[in-house]
Protein backbone atom coordinates (compact mmCIF):
# COMPACT_ATOMS: atom_id res chain seq x y z
CA UNK A 1 88.18 112.63 38.09
CA UNK A 2 91.26 112.09 40.11
CA UNK A 3 90.12 113.21 43.81
CA UNK A 4 93.00 112.66 46.31
CA UNK A 5 90.51 113.25 49.05
CA UNK A 6 88.15 110.84 48.06
CA UNK A 7 91.13 108.34 47.55
CA UNK A 8 92.15 108.76 51.16
CA UNK A 9 88.76 108.46 52.50
CA UNK A 10 88.10 105.31 50.70
CA UNK A 11 91.51 104.03 51.77
CA UNK A 12 90.65 104.73 55.46
CA UNK A 13 87.14 103.22 54.97
CA UNK A 14 88.23 99.86 53.52
CA UNK A 15 90.79 99.57 56.43
CA UNK A 16 88.47 100.58 59.11
CA UNK A 17 85.70 98.26 57.96
CA UNK A 18 87.60 95.30 56.58
CA UNK A 19 89.01 93.84 59.66
CA UNK A 20 90.95 90.96 58.35
CA UNK A 21 93.30 93.75 57.04
CA UNK A 22 94.19 94.56 60.59
CA UNK A 23 95.73 91.03 61.00
CA UNK A 24 98.02 91.89 57.94
CA UNK A 25 98.80 95.26 59.57
CA UNK A 26 100.15 93.04 62.51
CA UNK A 27 101.95 90.73 60.30
CA UNK A 28 103.63 93.68 58.51
CA UNK A 29 104.57 95.20 61.86
CA UNK A 30 106.19 91.81 62.78
CA UNK A 31 107.94 91.46 59.72
CA UNK A 32 109.40 94.96 59.14
CA UNK A 33 111.21 92.75 65.69
CA UNK A 34 117.79 84.32 78.85
CA UNK A 35 117.67 82.52 81.42
CA UNK A 36 120.39 82.88 83.86
CA UNK A 37 119.83 80.13 86.57
CA UNK A 38 122.15 79.77 89.64
CA UNK A 39 125.28 77.75 88.44
CA UNK A 40 126.46 77.02 84.96
CA UNK A 41 124.75 74.89 82.60
CA UNK A 42 125.56 72.21 80.10
CA UNK A 43 129.13 72.09 79.64
CA UNK A 44 130.31 75.32 81.26
CA UNK A 45 132.92 73.45 83.10
CA UNK A 46 134.01 74.89 86.32
CA UNK A 47 132.62 78.52 85.63
CA UNK A 48 129.34 79.44 87.71
CA UNK A 49 127.01 82.44 87.58
CA UNK A 50 126.88 84.37 90.55
CA UNK A 51 124.45 83.03 93.11
CA UNK A 52 121.80 85.72 93.04
CA UNK A 53 119.47 83.64 95.42
CA UNK A 54 122.16 83.51 98.35
CA UNK A 55 124.68 85.96 99.07
CA UNK A 56 123.30 88.94 97.15
CA UNK A 57 120.28 88.97 99.54
CA UNK A 58 121.91 87.96 102.64
CA UNK A 59 124.44 90.68 102.80
CA UNK A 60 122.75 93.27 100.83
CA UNK A 61 124.88 92.59 97.67
CA UNK A 62 128.38 93.59 99.29
CA UNK A 63 129.76 90.21 98.27
CA UNK A 64 129.24 91.27 94.57
CA UNK A 65 131.22 94.38 94.93
CA UNK A 66 134.03 93.39 97.24
CA UNK A 67 137.40 92.39 95.71
CA UNK A 68 137.22 88.73 95.10
CA UNK A 69 133.28 88.57 95.06
CA UNK A 70 131.23 86.80 92.79
CA UNK A 71 131.03 89.70 90.45
CA UNK A 72 134.72 90.16 90.40
CA UNK A 73 135.11 86.45 89.76
CA UNK A 74 132.52 86.73 86.90
CA UNK A 75 134.33 89.51 85.17
CA UNK A 76 137.59 87.86 85.71
CA UNK A 77 136.20 84.89 83.86
CA UNK A 78 135.03 87.26 80.99
CA UNK A 79 138.50 88.96 80.76
CA UNK A 80 140.21 85.65 80.64
CA UNK A 81 138.00 84.45 77.83
CA UNK A 82 138.46 87.74 75.93
CA UNK A 83 142.20 87.58 76.28
CA UNK A 84 142.27 84.01 74.87
CA UNK A 85 139.67 84.32 72.03
CA UNK A 86 139.24 88.09 71.04
CA UNK A 87 142.40 89.87 71.54
CA UNK A 88 144.44 87.39 69.21
CA UNK A 89 141.89 88.36 66.49
CA UNK A 90 143.33 91.87 66.56
CA UNK A 91 146.89 91.21 67.66
CA UNK A 92 148.37 92.81 64.44
CA UNK A 93 146.99 95.32 61.88
CA UNK A 94 146.71 92.49 59.13
CA UNK A 95 144.75 90.10 61.50
CA UNK A 96 142.70 93.09 62.83
CA UNK A 97 141.49 93.78 59.08
CA UNK A 98 140.92 90.14 58.40
CA UNK A 99 138.68 89.98 61.41
CA UNK A 100 136.82 93.26 60.91
CA UNK A 101 136.02 91.71 57.43
CA UNK A 102 134.80 88.35 58.70
CA UNK A 103 132.69 90.07 61.50
CA UNK A 104 131.18 92.39 58.77
CA UNK A 105 130.44 89.41 56.45
CA UNK A 106 128.81 87.44 59.35
CA UNK A 107 126.74 90.23 60.38
CA UNK A 108 125.52 90.75 56.58
CA UNK A 109 125.03 86.99 56.33
CA UNK A 110 122.84 86.92 59.53
CA UNK A 111 121.07 90.02 58.42
CA UNK A 112 120.42 88.80 55.04
CA UNK A 113 119.10 85.37 56.62
CA UNK A 114 116.70 87.24 58.79
CA UNK A 115 115.49 89.49 56.08
CA UNK A 116 114.65 86.52 54.08
CA UNK A 117 112.80 84.84 56.94
CA UNK A 118 110.91 88.07 57.31
CA UNK A 119 110.20 88.47 53.70
CA UNK A 120 108.33 85.10 53.69
CA UNK A 121 105.80 87.02 56.04
CA UNK A 122 106.01 90.52 54.65
CA UNK A 123 105.43 89.86 50.73
CA UNK A 124 102.65 87.54 51.08
CA UNK A 125 101.09 89.99 53.30
CA UNK A 126 101.58 93.03 51.31
CA UNK A 127 100.42 90.97 48.16
CA UNK A 128 97.31 89.93 49.91
CA UNK A 129 96.65 93.42 51.20
CA UNK A 130 96.72 94.96 47.56
CA UNK A 131 94.47 91.98 46.34
CA UNK A 132 92.02 92.51 49.05
CA UNK A 133 91.52 96.18 48.75
CA UNK A 134 91.26 95.78 44.93
CA UNK A 135 88.64 93.06 45.24
CA UNK A 136 86.75 94.78 47.98
CA UNK A 137 86.53 98.07 46.09
CA UNK A 138 85.38 96.22 42.77
CA UNK A 139 82.57 93.97 44.33
CA UNK A 140 82.44 94.54 47.95
CA UNK A 141 83.56 91.05 48.85
CA UNK A 142 85.13 90.28 52.34
CA UNK A 143 86.74 87.08 53.03
CA UNK A 144 88.26 85.22 55.96
CA UNK A 145 91.97 85.09 56.92
CA UNK A 146 92.56 81.70 55.57
CA UNK A 147 91.59 82.60 52.02
CA UNK A 148 93.06 86.18 52.23
CA UNK A 149 96.12 84.57 53.13
CA UNK A 150 96.05 82.23 50.05
CA UNK A 151 95.72 85.35 47.86
CA UNK A 152 99.12 86.34 49.07
CA UNK A 153 100.87 83.07 49.50
CA UNK A 154 101.59 82.47 45.78
CA UNK A 155 103.92 83.43 42.78
CA UNK A 156 102.58 86.77 42.74
CA UNK A 157 104.21 87.53 46.19
CA UNK A 158 107.39 86.00 44.64
CA UNK A 159 107.20 88.65 41.86
CA UNK A 160 106.66 91.65 44.09
CA UNK A 161 109.94 90.57 45.91
CA UNK A 162 111.61 90.41 42.67
CA UNK A 163 110.49 93.69 41.86
CA UNK A 164 111.87 95.17 45.27
CA UNK A 165 115.02 93.02 44.65
CA UNK A 166 115.73 94.45 41.25
CA UNK A 167 115.10 98.03 42.56
CA UNK A 168 116.74 97.38 45.81
CA UNK A 169 119.88 95.57 45.03
CA UNK A 170 121.47 98.16 42.61
CA UNK A 171 120.63 101.07 45.08
CA UNK A 172 122.02 99.31 48.06
CA UNK A 173 125.36 98.28 46.27
CA UNK A 174 125.76 101.92 45.11
CA UNK A 175 125.33 103.17 48.56
CA UNK A 176 127.67 100.72 49.79
CA UNK A 177 130.44 101.52 47.28
CA UNK A 178 129.97 105.32 48.16
CA UNK A 179 130.12 104.63 51.86
CA UNK A 180 133.30 102.49 51.54
CA UNK A 181 134.90 105.49 49.30
CA UNK A 182 134.07 107.90 52.16
CA UNK A 183 135.72 105.68 54.64
CA UNK A 184 138.60 104.90 52.36
CA UNK A 185 139.11 108.66 51.84
CA UNK A 186 138.96 109.49 55.60
CA UNK A 187 141.39 106.65 56.60
CA UNK A 188 143.87 107.59 53.83
CA UNK A 189 143.62 111.22 54.97
CA UNK A 190 144.35 110.16 58.60
CA UNK A 191 146.88 107.82 57.88
CA UNK A 192 148.75 110.13 55.69
CA UNK A 193 148.20 113.47 57.46
CA UNK A 194 149.12 114.93 54.00
CA UNK A 195 148.10 118.66 54.05
CA UNK A 196 147.95 118.56 50.15
CA UNK A 197 145.18 115.86 50.41
CA UNK A 198 143.01 117.52 52.99
CA UNK A 199 141.20 119.91 50.70
CA UNK A 200 140.44 117.38 47.67
CA UNK A 201 139.36 114.88 50.18
CA UNK A 202 136.95 117.39 51.88
CA UNK A 203 135.56 118.47 48.47
CA UNK A 204 135.13 115.07 47.54
CA UNK A 205 133.29 113.97 50.91
CA UNK A 206 131.05 117.04 50.34
CA UNK A 207 130.16 116.20 46.73
CA UNK A 208 129.43 112.63 47.79
CA UNK A 209 127.03 113.95 50.40
CA UNK A 210 125.41 116.36 47.79
CA UNK A 211 125.03 113.03 45.71
CA UNK A 212 123.38 111.15 48.65
CA UNK A 213 120.88 114.15 48.84
CA UNK A 214 120.14 113.89 45.28
CA UNK A 215 120.02 110.02 45.36
CA UNK A 216 117.60 110.09 47.99
CA UNK A 217 115.16 112.26 46.12
CA UNK A 218 115.69 110.20 43.03
CA UNK A 219 114.52 107.09 45.12
CA UNK A 220 111.56 108.90 46.35
CA UNK A 221 110.24 108.92 42.68
CA UNK A 222 111.55 105.35 42.13
CA UNK A 223 109.17 104.40 45.23
CA UNK A 224 106.28 105.98 43.52
CA UNK A 225 107.11 103.84 40.31
CA UNK A 226 107.42 100.67 42.47
CA UNK A 227 103.84 101.16 43.72
CA UNK A 228 102.45 100.63 39.97
CA UNK A 229 104.83 97.81 39.23
CA UNK A 230 104.07 96.05 42.47
CA UNK A 231 100.31 96.30 41.59
CA UNK A 232 100.81 95.04 38.11
CA UNK A 233 102.38 92.17 39.56
CA UNK A 234 100.18 91.47 42.60
CA UNK A 235 96.69 92.70 41.23
CA UNK A 236 97.03 91.90 37.48
CA UNK A 237 99.17 88.98 37.91
CA UNK A 238 101.73 90.09 35.10
CA UNK A 239 105.33 88.96 35.11
CA UNK A 240 108.36 91.14 36.61
CA UNK A 241 109.14 92.38 33.05
CA UNK A 242 105.66 93.20 31.93
CA UNK A 243 105.11 94.69 35.51
CA UNK A 244 107.96 96.96 35.07
CA UNK A 245 106.94 97.84 31.52
CA UNK A 246 103.42 98.77 32.43
CA UNK A 247 104.25 100.52 35.47
CA UNK A 248 106.66 102.93 33.78
CA UNK A 249 104.07 103.55 31.28
CA UNK A 250 101.42 104.37 33.83
CA UNK A 251 104.09 106.33 35.75
CA UNK A 252 105.10 108.53 32.82
CA UNK A 253 101.32 108.92 31.59
CA UNK A 254 99.86 109.96 35.25
CA UNK A 255 103.08 111.59 36.49
CA UNK A 256 101.26 114.54 37.89
CA UNK A 257 98.52 112.70 39.71
CA UNK A 258 101.27 110.23 41.23
CA UNK A 259 103.43 113.01 42.28
CA UNK A 260 100.65 114.80 44.02
CA UNK A 261 99.34 111.70 45.70
CA UNK A 262 102.95 110.90 46.75
CA UNK A 263 103.45 114.10 48.27
CA UNK A 264 100.20 113.99 50.11
CA UNK A 265 100.96 110.65 51.54
CA UNK A 266 104.40 111.83 52.58
CA UNK A 267 102.71 114.67 54.60
CA UNK A 268 100.03 112.43 55.88
CA UNK A 269 103.01 110.24 57.04
CA UNK A 270 104.95 113.07 58.71
CA UNK A 271 101.60 113.93 60.81
CA UNK A 272 101.37 110.43 61.83
CA UNK A 273 104.90 110.28 62.76
CA UNK A 274 103.98 113.04 65.39
CA UNK A 275 100.91 111.36 66.55
CA UNK A 276 103.05 108.17 67.01
CA UNK A 277 105.05 110.16 69.49
CA UNK A 278 102.11 110.85 71.52
CA UNK A 279 100.78 107.45 71.08
CA UNK A 280 104.17 106.05 72.28
CA UNK A 281 103.67 107.66 75.73
CA UNK A 282 99.91 106.87 75.67
CA UNK A 283 100.48 103.00 75.27
CA UNK A 284 102.81 102.68 78.33
CA UNK A 285 100.27 100.46 80.16
CA UNK A 286 99.86 98.35 76.95
CA UNK A 287 103.77 98.07 77.07
CA UNK A 288 103.89 96.73 80.65
CA UNK A 289 101.02 94.26 79.91
CA UNK A 290 102.99 92.93 76.79
CA UNK A 291 106.27 92.73 78.91
CA UNK A 292 105.45 89.37 80.30
CA UNK A 293 104.49 87.44 77.11
CA UNK A 294 107.43 89.21 75.47
CA UNK A 295 109.80 87.77 78.22
CA UNK A 296 108.28 84.31 77.82
CA UNK A 297 108.77 84.34 74.21
CA UNK A 298 112.28 85.86 74.15
CA UNK A 299 113.31 83.25 76.73
CA UNK A 300 112.92 80.49 74.01
CA UNK A 301 115.67 81.44 71.69
CA UNK A 302 117.66 83.18 74.47
CA UNK A 303 117.86 80.04 76.52
CA UNK A 304 118.73 77.95 73.49
CA UNK A 305 121.44 80.10 72.73
CA UNK A 306 122.65 80.22 76.35
CA UNK A 307 122.39 76.31 76.51
CA UNK A 308 124.50 75.90 73.19
CA UNK A 309 127.14 78.74 74.09
CA UNK A 310 127.67 77.36 77.66
CA UNK A 311 129.31 74.30 76.23
CA UNK A 312 132.35 76.30 74.97
CA UNK A 313 132.10 79.64 76.66
CA UNK A 314 131.95 80.90 80.35
CA UNK A 315 128.41 81.66 81.53
CA UNK A 316 128.97 85.30 81.44
CA UNK A 317 129.70 85.01 77.70
CA UNK A 318 126.67 82.78 77.01
CA UNK A 319 124.31 85.26 78.84
CA UNK A 320 125.77 88.17 76.76
CA UNK A 321 124.99 85.96 73.56
CA UNK A 322 121.58 84.94 74.84
CA UNK A 323 120.72 88.53 75.60
CA UNK A 324 121.93 89.66 72.05
CA UNK A 325 119.51 87.14 70.66
CA UNK A 326 116.53 87.55 73.29
CA UNK A 327 116.47 91.35 73.66
CA UNK A 328 115.29 92.00 69.95
CA UNK A 329 112.47 89.44 70.53
CA UNK A 330 111.52 90.91 73.89
CA UNK A 331 111.53 94.53 72.40
CA UNK A 332 109.42 93.73 69.54
CA UNK A 333 106.58 91.93 71.40
CA UNK A 334 106.79 94.34 74.09
CA UNK A 335 106.33 97.34 71.95
CA UNK A 336 104.07 95.59 69.47
CA UNK A 337 100.91 97.91 70.17
CA UNK A 338 102.80 100.93 68.72
CA UNK A 339 104.36 98.79 65.90
CA UNK A 340 100.76 97.71 65.25
CA UNK A 341 99.80 101.32 64.52
CA UNK A 342 102.53 101.52 62.05
CA UNK A 343 101.34 98.58 60.34
CA UNK A 344 97.96 99.98 60.12
CA UNK A 345 99.30 103.20 58.55
CA UNK A 346 101.31 100.85 56.04
CA UNK A 347 97.83 99.31 55.15
CA UNK A 348 96.10 102.69 54.85
CA UNK A 349 99.02 103.87 52.38
CA UNK A 350 98.73 100.52 50.29
CA UNK A 351 94.96 101.05 49.96
CA UNK A 352 95.42 104.64 48.85
CA UNK A 353 97.92 103.43 46.08
CA UNK A 354 95.53 100.69 45.32
CA UNK A 355 92.57 103.17 44.82
CA UNK A 356 94.80 105.42 42.68
CA UNK A 357 96.05 102.35 40.50
CA UNK A 358 92.43 101.24 40.00
CA UNK A 359 91.70 104.98 38.94
CA UNK A 360 94.58 105.74 36.71
CA UNK A 361 95.59 102.52 34.74
CA UNK A 362 93.79 102.07 31.49
CA UNK A 363 90.52 99.89 31.78
CA UNK A 364 91.44 97.57 28.81
CA UNK A 365 93.99 97.59 26.18
CA UNK A 366 92.69 98.34 22.73
CA UNK A 367 91.92 95.17 20.81
CA UNK A 368 94.36 94.37 17.82
CA UNK A 369 92.95 94.90 14.30
CA UNK A 370 92.88 91.83 12.00
CA UNK A 371 93.92 93.03 8.65
CA UNK A 372 92.72 89.64 7.03
CA UNK A 373 88.92 90.32 7.95
CA UNK A 374 87.52 93.21 6.03
CA UNK A 375 84.93 95.08 7.99
CA UNK A 376 81.42 93.89 7.18
CA UNK A 377 78.91 96.52 5.80
CA UNK A 378 75.63 96.86 7.47
CA UNK A 379 72.71 95.45 5.09
């Protein structure tokens, strides 16, 4: 009997009693988030940071605000650097378009690199969570983190990654094409200012918006299907093609139960989201405690970026670049307590789908008949 209440109870019981899953909740949370001294560093040339330890406290900060003060000089250096390095990139419409394309390509490349690095943590963790819950439900076994990590750090995690890639890449490409189409239509409409194009463009944008809504609903069902495909790859160790085949067969055969469980988990997720809003305020003391280690850890990449950038840019630019790198690290570590709660819910949801997978999938495929061996009659 498919009892959703029992599934949720078992999912929570496994999470609460199997503490190694808490470590993977933290890893899932992490995979799914400058030093400015007095005087310029490295090859900063004649540029100098404001001497925060001298004039600022001596005269109450008035020197920073006066014309010709240290802050004014700082921003003058930033303006001069922007005039010589940034403005030429947008001097003409042609160069501006090339610059925007280059910036977008760089941002996408950096995002892809960061995503791949995070995937090295996310997919082994997710694979381990699925296999740990399945083994614990089957035999009650509990393992330490080292052995649990080995359950995820193998070719099964790679297969789960490929499953997501085969699902996500076409969806992402389609969404980007539609977004580009909307931007092009809006740009053409503004550039031509043709009244006869206004109505078709508005209708086209509305149709695309409706398609986005329908596509979002479709992707919800694809997400339900993905739960089975990933578990055939992670738990049963099937190849990517076989996982899709078996996952689709199970999804079709158990669509009603799958749909109901998915809706329940969506509802639980919404309730959890409201609870997280309350927890975000209650965890303010924890953020304060985590701010110091967050600053220490963020200072490492931030200081490295500042040191490298100071060889060819004014210190103010180096500080901005360092902050761009350090702030996300600082925020990730500082707000790790609330992110950890999100990781715990992710493990709980994974456990629920694993319990459903165990209940719904066929126990064993039927054995093939051998026509060459006639049945033996009882003597």
